[in-house]
Amino acid sequence: MKLYTKTICPKCLWVKSEIQQAGLEADIINIDQDEQARQKIIDAGFLSVPVLEFEGKLIGDVKEVISQIELIAQ
């Protein structure tokens, strides 16, 4: 599981917190510092972060991301 974030992003902090509370681990990728990751997100059609990558699928809607985290944690 990977979470694409930015340095200043309240939603990203929220999702990171949800991942930690669920007892899960994710690779946190800051697109401000990783141009290749930033381009991947843009090429996939996302205009904002957080974006969760799980089993090859990219999820950009925060509610869907939280739902996915809850499913994974079960």
PDB file of N, CA and C in Angstrom:
ATOM      1  N   MET A   1       0.849  -1.161   0.000  1.00  0.00           N
ATOM      2  CA  MET A   1       0.000   0.000   0.000  1.00  0.00           C
ATOM      3  C   MET A   1       0.900   1.231   0.000  1.00  0.00           C
ATOM      4  N   LYS A   2       0.559   2.177  -0.866  1.00  0.00           N
ATOM      5  CA  LYS A   2       1.297   3.439  -0.945  1.00  0.00           C
ATOM      6  C   LYS A   2       0.312   4.584  -0.786  1.00  0.00           C
ATOM      7  N   LEU A   3       0.768   5.635  -0.112  1.00  0.00           N
ATOM      8  CA  LEU A   3      -0.040   6.834   0.031  1.00  0.00           C
ATOM      9  C   LEU A   3       0.758   7.999  -0.535  1.00  0.00           C
ATOM     10  N   TYR A   4       0.203   8.614  -1.570  1.00  0.00           N
ATOM     11  CA  TYR A   4       0.833   9.784  -2.181  1.00  0.00           C
ATOM     12  C   TYR A   4       0.298  11.025  -1.477  1.00  0.00           C
ATOM     13  N   THR A   5       1.221  11.862  -0.997  1.00  0.00           N
ATOM     14  CA  THR A   5       0.850  13.038  -0.212  1.00  0.00           C
ATOM     15  C   THR A   5       1.646  14.256  -0.666  1.00  0.00           C
ATOM     16  N   LYS A   6       1.355  15.388  -0.022  1.00  0.00           N
ATOM     17  CA  LYS A   6       2.152  16.612  -0.184  1.00  0.00           C
ATOM     18  C   LYS A   6       2.589  17.055   1.207  1.00  0.00           C
ATOM     19  N   THR A   7       3.541  17.967   1.245  1.00  0.00           N
ATOM     20  CA  THR A   7       4.086  18.445   2.510  1.00  0.00           C
ATOM     21  C   THR A   7       3.009  19.111   3.364  1.00  0.00           C
ATOM     22  N   ILE A   8       2.251  20.021   2.780  1.00  0.00           N
ATOM     23  CA  ILE A   8       1.193  20.712   3.507  1.00  0.00           C
ATOM     24  C   ILE A   8      -0.135  20.253   2.930  1.00  0.00           C
ATOM     25  N   CYS A   9      -0.805  19.341   3.680  1.00  0.00           N
ATOM     26  CA  CYS A   9      -2.042  18.748   3.175  1.00  0.00           C
ATOM     27  C   CYS A   9      -2.833  18.170   4.348  1.00  0.00           C
ATOM     28  N   PRO A  10      -3.826  18.916   4.840  1.00  0.00           N
ATOM     29  CA  PRO A  10      -4.617  18.423   5.982  1.00  0.00           C
ATOM     30  C   PRO A  10      -5.279  17.070   5.724  1.00  0.00           C
ATOM     31  N   LYS A  11      -5.794  16.852   4.524  1.00  0.00           N
ATOM     32  CA  LYS A  11      -6.431  15.568   4.216  1.00  0.00           C
ATOM     33  C   LYS A  11      -5.406  14.441   4.252  1.00  0.00           C
ATOM     34  N   CYS A  12      -4.194  14.735   3.812  1.00  0.00           N
ATOM     35  CA  CYS A  12      -3.133  13.721   3.836  1.00  0.00           C
ATOM     36  C   CYS A  12      -2.807  13.334   5.276  1.00  0.00           C
ATOM     37  N   LEU A  13      -2.724  14.322   6.157  1.00  0.00           N
ATOM     38  CA  LEU A  13      -2.457  14.051   7.566  1.00  0.00           C
ATOM     39  C   LEU A  13      -3.565  13.190   8.171  1.00  0.00           C
ATOM     40  N   TRP A  14      -4.801  13.494   7.806  1.00  0.00           N
ATOM     41  CA  TRP A  14      -5.948  12.734   8.297  1.00  0.00           C
ATOM     42  C   TRP A  14      -5.849  11.272   7.851  1.00  0.00           C
ATOM     43  N   VAL A  15      -5.572  11.062   6.569  1.00  0.00           N
ATOM     44  CA  VAL A  15      -5.489   9.693   6.047  1.00  0.00           C
ATOM     45  C   VAL A  15      -4.310   8.950   6.683  1.00  0.00           C
ATOM     46  N   LYS A  16      -3.163   9.625   6.845  1.00  0.00           N
ATOM     47  CA  LYS A  16      -2.017   8.988   7.506  1.00  0.00           C
ATOM     48  C   LYS A  16      -2.394   8.556   8.922  1.00  0.00           C
ATOM     49  N   SER A  17      -3.127   9.411   9.624  1.00  0.00           N
ATOM     50  CA  SER A  17      -3.578   9.104  10.973  1.00  0.00           C
ATOM     51  C   SER A  17      -4.502   7.887  10.975  1.00  0.00           C
ATOM     52  N   GLU A  18      -5.405   7.815  10.015  1.00  0.00           N
ATOM     53  CA  GLU A  18      -6.330   6.680   9.910  1.00  0.00           C
ATOM     54  C   GLU A  18      -5.568   5.379   9.654  1.00  0.00           C
ATOM     55  N   ILE A  19      -4.543   5.444   8.827  1.00  0.00           N
ATOM     56  CA  ILE A  19      -3.721   4.260   8.537  1.00  0.00           C
ATOM     57  C   ILE A  19      -3.037   3.785   9.813  1.00  0.00           C
ATOM     58  N   GLN A  20      -2.465   4.723  10.568  1.00  0.00           N
ATOM     59  CA  GLN A  20      -1.779   4.369  11.814  1.00  0.00           C
ATOM     60  C   GLN A  20      -2.757   3.791  12.836  1.00  0.00           C
ATOM     61  N   GLN A  21      -3.926   4.422  12.980  1.00  0.00           N
ATOM     62  CA  GLN A  21      -4.916   3.952  13.947  1.00  0.00           C
ATOM     63  C   GLN A  21      -5.424   2.558  13.604  1.00  0.00           C
ATOM     64  N   ALA A  22      -5.439   2.235  12.313  1.00  0.00           N
ATOM     65  CA  ALA A  22      -5.884   0.913  11.870  1.00  0.00           C
ATOM     66  C   ALA A  22      -4.791  -0.149  12.050  1.00  0.00           C
ATOM     67  N   GLY A  23      -3.601   0.303  12.448  1.00  0.00           N
ATOM     68  CA  GLY A  23      -2.498  -0.629  12.647  1.00  0.00           C
ATOM     69  C   GLY A  23      -1.869  -1.099  11.357  1.00  0.00           C
ATOM     70  N   LEU A  24      -2.060  -0.320  10.298  1.00  0.00           N
ATOM     71  CA  LEU A  24      -1.521  -0.684   8.986  1.00  0.00           C
ATOM     72  C   LEU A  24      -0.244   0.088   8.705  1.00  0.00           C
ATOM     73  N   GLU A  25       0.489  -0.382   7.710  1.00  0.00           N
ATOM     74  CA  GLU A  25       1.681   0.319   7.263  1.00  0.00           C
ATOM     75  C   GLU A  25       1.517   0.666   5.795  1.00  0.00           C
ATOM     76  N   ALA A  26       2.017   1.830   5.452  1.00  0.00           N
ATOM     77  CA  ALA A  26       1.969   2.273   4.059  1.00  0.00           C
ATOM     78  C   ALA A  26       3.259   2.998   3.735  1.00  0.00           C
ATOM     79  N   ASP A  27       3.690   2.876   2.493  1.00  0.00           N
ATOM     80  CA  ASP A  27       4.803   3.692   2.020  1.00  0.00           C
ATOM     81  C   ASP A  27       4.238   5.083   1.766  1.00  0.00           C
ATOM     82  N   ILE A  28       4.777   6.087   2.451  1.00  0.00           N
ATOM     83  CA  ILE A  28       4.328   7.465   2.284  1.00  0.00           C
ATOM     84  C   ILE A  28       5.240   8.119   1.254  1.00  0.00           C
ATOM     85  N   ILE A  29       4.640   8.568   0.160  1.00  0.00           N
ATOM     86  CA  ILE A  29       5.413   9.170  -0.924  1.00  0.00           C
ATOM     87  C   ILE A  29       4.987  10.625  -1.067  1.00  0.00           C
ATOM     88  N   ASN A  30       5.911  11.519  -0.777  1.00  0.00           N
ATOM     89  CA  ASN A  30       5.648  12.954  -0.868  1.00  0.00           C
ATOM     90  C   ASN A  30       5.919  13.414  -2.299  1.00  0.00           C
ATOM     91  N   ILE A  31       4.868  13.799  -3.010  1.00  0.00           N
ATOM     92  CA  ILE A  31       5.041  14.178  -4.415  1.00  0.00           C
ATOM     93  C   ILE A  31       5.721  15.534  -4.574  1.00  0.00           C
ATOM     94  N   ASP A  32       5.870  16.292  -3.473  1.00  0.00           N
ATOM     95  CA  ASP A  32       6.656  17.527  -3.527  1.00  0.00           C
ATOM     96  C   ASP A  32       8.143  17.208  -3.673  1.00  0.00           C
ATOM     97  N   GLN A  33       8.525  16.008  -3.237  1.00  0.00           N
ATOM     98  CA  GLN A  33       9.938  15.624  -3.245  1.00  0.00           C
ATOM     99  C   GLN A  33      10.258  14.532  -4.260  1.00  0.00           C
ATOM    100  N   ASP A  34       9.235  13.978  -4.905  1.00  0.00           N
ATOM    101  CA  ASP A  34       9.432  12.866  -5.842  1.00  0.00           C
ATOM    102  C   ASP A  34       8.715  13.196  -7.151  1.00  0.00           C
ATOM    103  N   GLU A  35       9.460  13.745  -8.086  1.00  0.00           N
ATOM    104  CA  GLU A  35       8.880  14.199  -9.357  1.00  0.00           C
ATOM    105  C   GLU A  35       8.267  13.053 -10.146  1.00  0.00           C
ATOM    106  N   GLN A  36       8.889  11.894 -10.104  1.00  0.00           N
ATOM    107  CA  GLN A  36       8.373  10.739 -10.841  1.00  0.00           C
ATOM    108  C   GLN A  36       7.011  10.313 -10.277  1.00  0.00           C
ATOM    109  N   ALA A  37       6.885  10.310  -8.964  1.00  0.00           N
ATOM    110  CA  ALA A  37       5.609   9.962  -8.333  1.00  0.00           C
ATOM    111  C   ALA A  37       4.551  11.019  -8.649  1.00  0.00           C
ATOM    112  N   ARG A  38       4.962  12.285  -8.627  1.00  0.00           N
ATOM    113  CA  ARG A  38       4.039  13.374  -8.948  1.00  0.00           C
ATOM    114  C   ARG A  38       3.492  13.213 -10.347  1.00  0.00           C
ATOM    115  N   GLN A  39       4.375  12.886 -11.284  1.00  0.00           N
ATOM    116  CA  GLN A  39       3.959  12.708 -12.670  1.00  0.00           C
ATOM    117  C   GLN A  39       3.035  11.500 -12.813  1.00  0.00           C
ATOM    118  N   LYS A  40       3.295  10.447 -12.058  1.00  0.00           N
ATOM    119  CA  LYS A  40       2.435   9.258 -12.087  1.00  0.00           C
ATOM    120  C   LYS A  40       1.009   9.626 -11.677  1.00  0.00           C
ATOM    121  N   ILE A  41       0.872  10.415 -10.636  1.00  0.00           N
ATOM    122  CA  ILE A  41      -0.442  10.831 -10.138  1.00  0.00           C
ATOM    123  C   ILE A  41      -1.141  11.712 -11.170  1.00  0.00           C
ATOM    124  N   ILE A  42      -0.405  12.640 -11.744  1.00  0.00           N
ATOM    125  CA  ILE A  42      -0.970  13.527 -12.770  1.00  0.00           C
ATOM    126  C   ILE A  42      -1.402  12.718 -13.993  1.00  0.00           C
ATOM    127  N   ASP A  43      -0.536  11.808 -14.433  1.00  0.00           N
ATOM    128  CA  ASP A  43      -0.851  10.982 -15.607  1.00  0.00           C
ATOM    129  C   ASP A  43      -2.091  10.111 -15.381  1.00  0.00           C
ATOM    130  N   ALA A  44      -2.335   9.751 -14.114  1.00  0.00           N
ATOM    131  CA  ALA A  44      -3.503   8.934 -13.782  1.00  0.00           C
ATOM    132  C   ALA A  44      -4.779   9.773 -13.701  1.00  0.00           C
ATOM    133  N   GLY A  45      -4.623  11.103 -13.845  1.00  0.00           N
ATOM    134  CA  GLY A  45      -5.793  11.970 -13.881  1.00  0.00           C
ATOM    135  C   GLY A  45      -6.159  12.626 -12.561  1.00  0.00           C
ATOM    136  N   PHE A  46      -5.304  12.484 -11.564  1.00  0.00           N
ATOM    137  CA  PHE A  46      -5.593  13.092 -10.269  1.00  0.00           C
ATOM    138  C   PHE A  46      -5.042  14.513 -10.212  1.00  0.00           C
ATOM    139  N   LEU A  47      -5.839  15.409  -9.636  1.00  0.00           N
ATOM    140  CA  LEU A  47      -5.431  16.803  -9.510  1.00  0.00           C
ATOM    141  C   LEU A  47      -5.082  17.175  -8.078  1.00  0.00           C
ATOM    142  N   SER A  48      -5.289  16.239  -7.160  1.00  0.00           N
ATOM    143  CA  SER A  48      -4.978  16.503  -5.755  1.00  0.00           C
ATOM    144  C   SER A  48      -4.607  15.212  -5.057  1.00  0.00           C
ATOM    145  N   VAL A  49      -4.068  15.356  -3.870  1.00  0.00           N
ATOM    146  CA  VAL A  49      -3.735  14.221  -3.016  1.00  0.00           C
ATOM    147  C   VAL A  49      -4.549  14.374  -1.736  1.00  0.00           C
ATOM    148  N   PRO A  50      -4.717  13.372  -0.936  1.00  0.00           N
ATOM    149  CA  PRO A  50      -4.024  12.087  -0.954  1.00  0.00           C
ATOM    150  C   PRO A  50      -4.585  11.132  -2.003  1.00  0.00           C
ATOM    151  N   VAL A  51      -3.699  10.288  -2.495  1.00  0.00           N
ATOM    152  CA  VAL A  51      -4.084   9.200  -3.394  1.00  0.00           C
ATOM    153  C   VAL A  51      -3.504   7.921  -2.801  1.00  0.00           C
ATOM    154  N   LEU A  52      -4.368   6.937  -2.608  1.00  0.00           N
ATOM    155  CA  LEU A  52      -3.948   5.652  -2.074  1.00  0.00           C
ATOM    156  C   LEU A  52      -3.781   4.671  -3.222  1.00  0.00           C
ATOM    157  N   GLU A  53      -2.651   3.970  -3.229  1.00  0.00           N
ATOM    158  CA  GLU A  53      -2.434   2.903  -4.199  1.00  0.00           C
ATOM    159  C   GLU A  53      -2.468   1.576  -3.449  1.00  0.00           C
ATOM    160  N   PHE A  54      -3.423   0.725  -3.834  1.00  0.00           N
ATOM    161  CA  PHE A  54      -3.577  -0.572  -3.176  1.00  0.00           C
ATOM    162  C   PHE A  54      -3.910  -1.606  -4.229  1.00  0.00           C
ATOM    163  N   GLU A  55      -3.092  -2.654  -4.272  1.00  0.00           N
ATOM    164  CA  GLU A  55      -3.258  -3.740  -5.238  1.00  0.00           C
ATOM    165  C   GLU A  55      -3.372  -3.208  -6.669  1.00  0.00           C
ATOM    166  N   GLY A  56      -2.533  -2.219  -6.998  1.00  0.00           N
ATOM    167  CA  GLY A  56      -2.482  -1.681  -8.348  1.00  0.00           C
ATOM    168  C   GLY A  56      -3.554  -0.667  -8.688  1.00  0.00           C
ATOM    169  N   LYS A  57      -4.456  -0.411  -7.755  1.00  0.00           N
ATOM    170  CA  LYS A  57      -5.552   0.528  -7.996  1.00  0.00           C
ATOM    171  C   LYS A  57      -5.262   1.841  -7.270  1.00  0.00           C
ATOM    172  N   LEU A  58      -5.508   2.950  -7.961  1.00  0.00           N
ATOM    173  CA  LEU A  58      -5.330   4.275  -7.369  1.00  0.00           C
ATOM    174  C   LEU A  58      -6.691   4.815  -6.937  1.00  0.00           C
ATOM    175  N   ILE A  59      -6.769   5.285  -5.690  1.00  0.00           N
ATOM    176  CA  ILE A  59      -8.004   5.832  -5.146  1.00  0.00           C
ATOM    177  C   ILE A  59      -7.723   7.259  -4.680  1.00  0.00           C
ATOM    178  N   GLY A  60      -8.485   8.212  -5.214  1.00  0.00           N
ATOM    179  CA  GLY A  60      -8.236   9.612  -4.885  1.00  0.00           C
ATOM    180  C   GLY A  60      -9.314  10.269  -4.051  1.00  0.00           C
ATOM    181  N   ASP A  61     -10.487   9.664  -3.981  1.00  0.00           N
ATOM    182  CA  ASP A  61     -11.563  10.229  -3.175  1.00  0.00           C
ATOM    183  C   ASP A  61     -11.304   9.879  -1.707  1.00  0.00           C
ATOM    184  N   VAL A  62     -11.236  10.902  -0.840  1.00  0.00           N
ATOM    185  CA  VAL A  62     -10.852  10.678   0.556  1.00  0.00           C
ATOM    186  C   VAL A  62     -11.810   9.711   1.258  1.00  0.00           C
ATOM    187  N   LYS A  63     -13.099   9.821   0.996  1.00  0.00           N
ATOM    188  CA  LYS A  63     -14.055   8.902   1.626  1.00  0.00           C
ATOM    189  C   LYS A  63     -13.793   7.469   1.184  1.00  0.00           C
ATOM    190  N   GLU A  64     -13.484   7.280  -0.091  1.00  0.00           N
ATOM    191  CA  GLU A  64     -13.156   5.939  -0.593  1.00  0.00           C
ATOM    192  C   GLU A  64     -11.853   5.433   0.014  1.00  0.00           C
ATOM    193  N   VAL A  65     -10.891   6.340   0.179  1.00  0.00           N
ATOM    194  CA  VAL A  65      -9.609   5.959   0.785  1.00  0.00           C
ATOM    195  C   VAL A  65      -9.841   5.456   2.207  1.00  0.00           C
ATOM    196  N   ILE A  66     -10.618   6.193   2.992  1.00  0.00           N
ATOM    197  CA  ILE A  66     -10.906   5.798   4.378  1.00  0.00           C
ATOM    198  C   ILE A  66     -11.663   4.462   4.392  1.00  0.00           C
ATOM    199  N   SER A  67     -12.612   4.284   3.500  1.00  0.00           N
ATOM    200  CA  SER A  67     -13.348   3.016   3.417  1.00  0.00           C
ATOM    201  C   SER A  67     -12.410   1.859   3.090  1.00  0.00           C
ATOM    202  N   GLN A  68     -11.484   2.101   2.174  1.00  0.00           N
ATOM    203  CA  GLN A  68     -10.520   1.056   1.797  1.00  0.00           C
ATOM    204  C   GLN A  68      -9.643   0.699   2.975  1.00  0.00           C
ATOM    205  N   ILE A  69      -9.184   1.685   3.729  1.00  0.00           N
ATOM    206  CA  ILE A  69      -8.357   1.443   4.908  1.00  0.00           C
ATOM    207  C   ILE A  69      -9.132   0.591   5.904  1.00  0.00           C
ATOM    208  N   GLU A  70     -10.394   0.921   6.118  1.00  0.00           N
ATOM    209  CA  GLU A  70     -11.211   0.145   7.050  1.00  0.00           C
ATOM    210  C   GLU A  70     -11.372  -1.300   6.583  1.00  0.00           C
ATOM    211  N   LEU A  71     -11.552  -1.499   5.272  1.00  0.00           N
ATOM    212  CA  LEU A  71     -11.673  -2.860   4.731  1.00  0.00           C
ATOM    213  C   LEU A  71     -10.371  -3.656   4.919  1.00  0.00           C
ATOM    214  N   ILE A  72      -9.257  -3.013   4.645  1.00  0.00           N
ATOM    215  CA  ILE A  72      -7.959  -3.677   4.757  1.00  0.00           C
ATOM    216  C   ILE A  72      -7.694  -4.073   6.210  1.00  0.00           C
ATOM    217  N   ALA A  73      -8.108  -3.211   7.132  1.00  0.00           N
ATOM    218  CA  ALA A  73      -7.813  -3.433   8.551  1.00  0.00           C
ATOM    219  C   ALA A  73      -8.620  -4.584   9.151  1.00  0.00           C
ATOM    220  N   GLN A  74      -9.693  -4.977   8.502  1.00  0.00           N
ATOM    221  CA  GLN A  74     -10.548  -6.043   9.057  1.00  0.00           C
ATOM    222  C   GLN A  74      -9.870  -7.393   9.035  1.00  0.00           C
TER     223      GLN A  74
END
